[in-house]
N, C-alpha and C. Protein backbone atom coordinates (compact mmCIF):
# COMPACT_ATOMS: atom_id res chain seq x y z
N MET A 1 100.62 179.29 69.71
CA MET A 1 101.34 177.82 69.00
C MET A 1 100.61 179.01 67.34
N GLY A 2 101.44 178.44 66.60
CA GLY A 2 101.98 179.90 65.66
C GLY A 2 100.79 179.17 64.50
N LYS A 3 100.92 179.20 63.05
CA LYS A 3 100.26 178.53 61.86
C LYS A 3 100.14 177.16 61.62
N HIS A 4 101.08 176.47 62.49
CA HIS A 4 101.27 175.34 61.29
C HIS A 4 102.31 174.63 62.79
N HIS A 5 100.71 173.46 63.10
CA HIS A 5 101.94 172.71 65.01
C HIS A 5 102.58 171.60 64.19
N LEU A 6 104.21 171.50 64.31
CA LEU A 6 104.57 170.63 63.27
C LEU A 6 105.21 169.86 64.38
N THR A 7 105.99 168.55 64.54
CA THR A 7 106.61 168.04 65.81
C THR A 7 107.48 167.19 65.11
N ALA A 8 109.12 167.30 65.25
CA ALA A 8 109.80 166.35 65.03
C ALA A 8 110.82 165.87 65.51
N SER A 9 110.48 164.30 65.46
CA SER A 9 110.98 163.56 66.65
C SER A 9 111.94 162.73 66.13
N CYS A 10 113.30 162.73 66.44
CA CYS A 10 114.83 162.12 66.66
C CYS A 10 114.52 160.67 66.85
N TYR A 11 115.55 159.71 66.42
CA TYR A 11 115.17 158.30 67.31
C TYR A 11 116.90 157.55 66.63
N ASP A 12 117.40 156.55 67.45
CA ASP A 12 118.20 156.21 66.50
C ASP A 12 118.37 154.81 66.15
N LYS A 13 119.03 154.02 65.54
CA LYS A 13 118.61 152.55 65.23
C LYS A 13 118.01 151.93 65.45
N ARG A 14 118.23 151.32 67.02
CA ARG A 14 117.24 150.41 67.85
C ARG A 14 115.26 151.70 68.06
N GLY A 15 115.57 153.12 67.22
CA GLY A 15 114.21 153.37 67.70
C GLY A 15 114.06 153.95 68.51
N THR A 16 114.88 153.54 69.82
CA THR A 16 114.85 154.90 70.76
C THR A 16 114.58 156.73 70.58
N LEU A 17 113.78 156.74 71.19
CA LEU A 17 113.91 158.51 71.15
C LEU A 17 114.85 159.69 71.56
N ILE A 18 115.48 159.87 70.56
CA ILE A 18 116.90 160.87 71.11
C ILE A 18 116.22 161.96 71.32
N SER A 19 115.48 162.87 70.51
CA SER A 19 114.75 164.33 71.05
C SER A 19 113.62 164.55 70.31
N ARG A 20 113.31 165.07 70.88
CA ARG A 20 111.47 165.89 69.87
C ARG A 20 111.59 167.33 70.17
N ALA A 21 111.09 168.17 69.00
CA ALA A 21 110.57 169.44 69.35
C ALA A 21 109.42 170.12 68.52
N VAL A 22 109.52 171.07 68.41
CA VAL A 22 108.10 171.76 67.21
C VAL A 22 108.81 173.29 66.99
N ASN A 23 107.80 173.52 65.79
CA ASN A 23 108.40 174.37 65.22
C ASN A 23 107.95 176.13 66.48
N SER A 24 108.98 176.83 66.04
CA SER A 24 108.66 177.71 66.97
C SER A 24 108.85 179.35 66.38
N TYR A 25 107.73 179.83 66.18
CA TYR A 25 107.19 181.33 65.63
C TYR A 25 107.88 182.83 66.33
N THR A 26 108.76 182.26 67.31
CA THR A 26 109.32 183.20 68.24
C THR A 26 110.88 183.39 68.09
N ARG A 27 111.17 181.72 68.40
CA ARG A 27 112.91 181.75 68.21
C ARG A 27 113.84 181.51 67.05
N THR A 28 114.98 181.77 66.87
CA THR A 28 116.05 181.76 66.35
C THR A 28 116.93 180.87 66.48
N HIS A 29 117.66 180.56 65.28
CA HIS A 29 119.28 179.93 65.72
C HIS A 29 119.99 180.01 64.56
N PRO A 30 121.20 180.47 64.86
CA PRO A 30 122.53 180.00 63.34
C PRO A 30 122.38 179.16 62.82
N VAL A 31 121.91 178.27 63.36
CA VAL A 31 122.17 177.01 62.04
C VAL A 31 121.10 176.79 61.39
N GLN A 32 119.98 177.30 61.77
CA GLN A 32 118.15 178.14 60.89
C GLN A 32 118.84 178.88 60.25
N ALA A 33 119.49 180.07 60.51
CA ALA A 33 119.75 180.62 59.11
C ALA A 33 120.79 180.43 58.50
N ALA A 34 121.94 179.43 58.83
CA ALA A 34 122.22 179.32 58.01
C ALA A 34 122.14 178.56 57.17
N PHE A 35 121.50 177.45 57.10
CA PHE A 35 121.17 176.49 56.11
C PHE A 35 119.70 177.43 55.62
N ALA A 36 119.37 178.21 56.03
CA ALA A 36 118.27 178.98 55.57
C ALA A 36 118.93 179.67 54.18
N LYS A 37 119.94 180.45 54.46
CA LYS A 37 120.99 180.97 53.64
C LYS A 37 121.36 180.29 52.26
N GLN A 38 121.99 179.00 52.62
CA GLN A 38 122.67 178.09 51.97
C GLN A 38 121.42 177.80 50.98
N VAL A 39 120.28 178.04 51.00
CA VAL A 39 118.97 177.26 50.26
C VAL A 39 118.98 178.52 49.50
N GLY A 40 119.17 179.26 49.77
CA GLY A 40 118.43 181.28 48.98
C GLY A 40 117.27 181.28 49.99
N MET A 41 116.74 180.80 51.29
CA MET A 41 115.87 181.20 51.99
C MET A 41 116.21 181.48 53.18
N PRO A 42 117.31 182.97 53.10
CA PRO A 42 117.67 183.81 54.17
C PRO A 42 116.99 184.24 54.80
N MET A 43 115.43 184.91 54.58
CA MET A 43 114.17 185.22 55.58
C MET A 43 113.67 184.48 56.42
N CYS A 44 113.67 183.10 56.04
CA CYS A 44 112.99 181.97 57.22
C CYS A 44 114.20 181.64 57.82
N THR A 45 113.91 182.36 59.21
CA THR A 45 115.02 182.70 60.34
C THR A 45 114.26 181.82 61.73
N TYR A 46 112.77 181.60 61.71
CA TYR A 46 112.76 181.29 62.87
C TYR A 46 112.80 179.71 62.90
N LEU A 47 112.77 178.47 63.84
CA LEU A 47 112.88 177.09 64.26
C LEU A 47 112.65 176.74 63.78
N HIS A 48 112.66 175.61 62.39
CA HIS A 48 112.01 174.87 62.26
C HIS A 48 111.75 173.69 62.94
N ALA A 49 111.15 172.73 63.49
CA ALA A 49 111.20 171.56 64.67
C ALA A 49 111.84 170.55 63.85
N GLU A 50 112.12 170.31 62.58
CA GLU A 50 113.71 169.39 62.41
C GLU A 50 114.70 170.13 62.56
N ILE A 51 114.84 171.39 62.87
CA ILE A 51 116.93 171.56 63.27
C ILE A 51 116.80 171.71 64.85
N ALA A 52 115.54 172.09 64.94
CA ALA A 52 115.36 172.43 67.16
C ALA A 52 115.83 170.89 67.44
N ALA A 53 114.87 169.91 66.29
CA ALA A 53 115.80 168.22 66.81
C ALA A 53 116.53 167.94 66.94
N LEU A 54 117.35 168.08 65.53
CA LEU A 54 118.04 167.39 65.18
C LEU A 54 119.30 168.65 66.25
N LEU A 55 118.87 169.57 66.06
CA LEU A 55 120.27 170.39 67.47
C LEU A 55 120.16 169.21 69.08
N LYS A 56 118.87 169.09 69.17
CA LYS A 56 119.07 168.57 71.05
C LYS A 56 119.66 167.17 70.36
N CYS A 57 119.50 166.74 69.46
CA CYS A 57 120.70 165.81 69.64
C CYS A 57 121.77 165.87 69.86
N GLY A 58 122.58 166.95 70.12
CA GLY A 58 123.67 166.92 70.64
C GLY A 58 124.28 166.26 70.11
N ARG A 59 125.57 165.56 70.39
CA ARG A 59 126.71 164.41 69.11
C ARG A 59 126.06 163.65 68.62
N ARG A 60 125.39 163.06 69.26
CA ARG A 60 124.50 161.63 68.33
C ARG A 60 123.78 162.07 67.19
N VAL A 61 123.99 160.94 66.46
CA VAL A 61 123.70 161.19 64.82
C VAL A 61 122.24 160.59 64.29
N PRO A 62 121.40 160.76 65.08
CA PRO A 62 120.11 160.58 64.75
C PRO A 62 120.03 158.94 63.56
N TYR A 63 119.25 158.09 63.50
CA TYR A 63 119.22 157.52 62.23
C TYR A 63 117.78 158.01 61.62
N SER A 64 116.32 157.95 62.48
CA SER A 64 115.67 158.03 61.61
C SER A 64 114.67 159.66 62.27
N ILE A 65 114.79 160.24 61.17
CA ILE A 65 113.61 161.46 62.07
C ILE A 65 112.07 161.53 61.50
N VAL A 66 111.15 161.84 62.05
CA VAL A 66 109.32 161.42 61.82
C VAL A 66 109.10 162.69 62.60
N VAL A 67 108.77 163.34 61.02
CA VAL A 67 108.19 164.77 61.16
C VAL A 67 106.52 164.70 61.11
N GLU A 68 105.67 165.39 62.52
CA GLU A 68 104.17 165.50 61.56
C GLU A 68 103.44 166.22 62.20
N ARG A 69 102.32 166.52 61.28
CA ARG A 69 101.40 167.43 61.26
C ARG A 69 99.95 166.56 61.39
N TYR A 70 99.08 167.19 62.81
CA TYR A 70 97.67 166.78 62.73
C TYR A 70 97.23 168.29 63.05
N LYS A 71 95.68 167.82 61.95
CA LYS A 71 95.13 168.97 61.73
C LYS A 71 93.95 168.89 62.30
N LYS A 72 93.06 170.11 63.39
CA LYS A 72 91.75 170.14 64.51
C LYS A 72 91.23 169.06 64.35
N ASP A 73 90.71 168.49 63.22
CA ASP A 73 90.20 167.34 63.47
C ASP A 73 90.64 166.36 63.46
N GLY A 74 91.97 166.01 63.39
CA GLY A 74 93.01 164.85 64.21
C GLY A 74 93.61 164.16 62.93
N SER A 75 92.69 164.72 61.37
CA SER A 75 93.94 164.08 60.66
C SER A 75 95.26 164.42 60.09
N PRO A 76 95.91 163.52 59.56
CA PRO A 76 97.00 163.72 59.13
C PRO A 76 97.46 165.30 58.63
N GLY A 77 98.51 165.86 58.34
CA GLY A 77 98.27 167.03 57.23
C GLY A 77 99.86 167.32 56.72
N ASN A 78 100.08 167.57 55.86
CA ASN A 78 101.26 167.48 55.16
C ASN A 78 103.02 168.06 55.83
N ALA A 79 103.65 167.36 56.15
CA ALA A 79 104.53 167.43 57.23
C ALA A 79 105.96 166.91 55.96
N LYS A 80 105.49 167.07 55.01
CA LYS A 80 106.85 167.12 54.25
C LYS A 80 108.20 168.63 54.71
N PRO A 81 109.48 168.06 55.44
CA PRO A 81 110.23 169.17 55.25
C PRO A 81 110.70 169.65 54.02
N CYS A 82 110.92 171.11 54.74
CA CYS A 82 111.29 172.14 53.23
C CYS A 82 112.54 172.20 53.00
N PRO A 83 112.43 172.76 52.12
CA PRO A 83 114.24 172.71 51.69
C PRO A 83 115.57 172.93 52.49
N ILE A 84 115.14 173.84 53.43
CA ILE A 84 116.00 174.62 54.45
C ILE A 84 116.36 172.83 55.62
N CYS A 85 115.28 172.34 55.66
CA CYS A 85 115.33 170.84 57.11
C CYS A 85 115.63 170.13 55.77
N GLU A 86 115.49 169.95 54.76
CA GLU A 86 115.79 168.97 54.49
C GLU A 86 117.71 169.18 53.94
N ALA A 87 118.35 169.83 53.83
CA ALA A 87 119.81 169.94 53.79
C ALA A 87 120.14 169.86 54.77
N ALA A 88 119.38 170.56 56.16
CA ALA A 88 119.92 170.17 57.85
C ALA A 88 119.66 168.62 57.56
N ILE A 89 118.82 168.15 57.27
CA ILE A 89 118.97 166.28 57.60
C ILE A 89 120.02 165.99 56.81
N LYS A 90 120.07 165.59 55.89
CA LYS A 90 121.14 165.15 54.49
C LYS A 90 122.60 165.87 55.39
N ALA A 91 122.73 167.15 55.78
CA ALA A 91 124.14 167.82 56.42
C ALA A 91 124.51 166.13 57.59
N TRP A 92 123.43 166.20 58.72
CA TRP A 92 123.49 165.65 59.87
C TRP A 92 123.90 164.10 59.87
N GLY A 93 123.52 163.85 58.28
CA GLY A 93 123.66 162.26 58.31
C GLY A 93 122.22 161.56 58.23
N VAL A 94 120.72 161.89 58.90
CA VAL A 94 120.23 161.22 58.58
C VAL A 94 119.93 160.52 57.97
N ARG A 95 119.80 159.27 58.19
CA ARG A 95 119.49 158.00 57.50
C ARG A 95 118.35 157.62 56.26
N ARG A 96 116.95 158.24 57.39
CA ARG A 96 115.44 157.79 57.15
C ARG A 96 114.64 158.96 57.47
N VAL A 97 113.53 159.18 56.85
CA VAL A 97 112.84 160.43 56.91
C VAL A 97 111.47 159.89 56.67
N THR A 98 110.80 159.65 57.77
CA THR A 98 108.84 159.71 58.02
C THR A 98 108.37 160.88 57.56
N PHE A 99 107.16 161.07 57.24
CA PHE A 99 106.41 162.55 57.58
C PHE A 99 104.42 162.39 57.34
N THR A 100 104.51 162.64 57.68
CA THR A 100 102.50 162.48 57.54
C THR A 100 102.32 163.48 56.23
N LEU A 101 100.99 163.18 55.61
CA LEU A 101 100.91 163.42 54.34
C LEU A 101 99.37 163.85 54.75
N GLY A 102 98.78 165.21 53.80
CA GLY A 102 97.70 165.24 54.45
C GLY A 102 96.56 165.57 53.20
């Protein structure tokens, strides 16, 4: 596990889980690289949980995405999507974004 353990979960309009993913500090993806470049952060190529979860949805467009981070003591941490993930979430057409605050 890397420095920040972050989980993103995508749901359909009925609240059914479509996909779930975590941050990767070893994997990259062309979609991650494209959105990173689009927002002026081309060095951020490691696969973020939000983009990984969106990719796992396949052709399904999630209604909502929930992004969570919990500290070692179990309290919630800040999991607001970064500019790269915000751009991807918007491009995917996700209508609701929820995240933990620390």
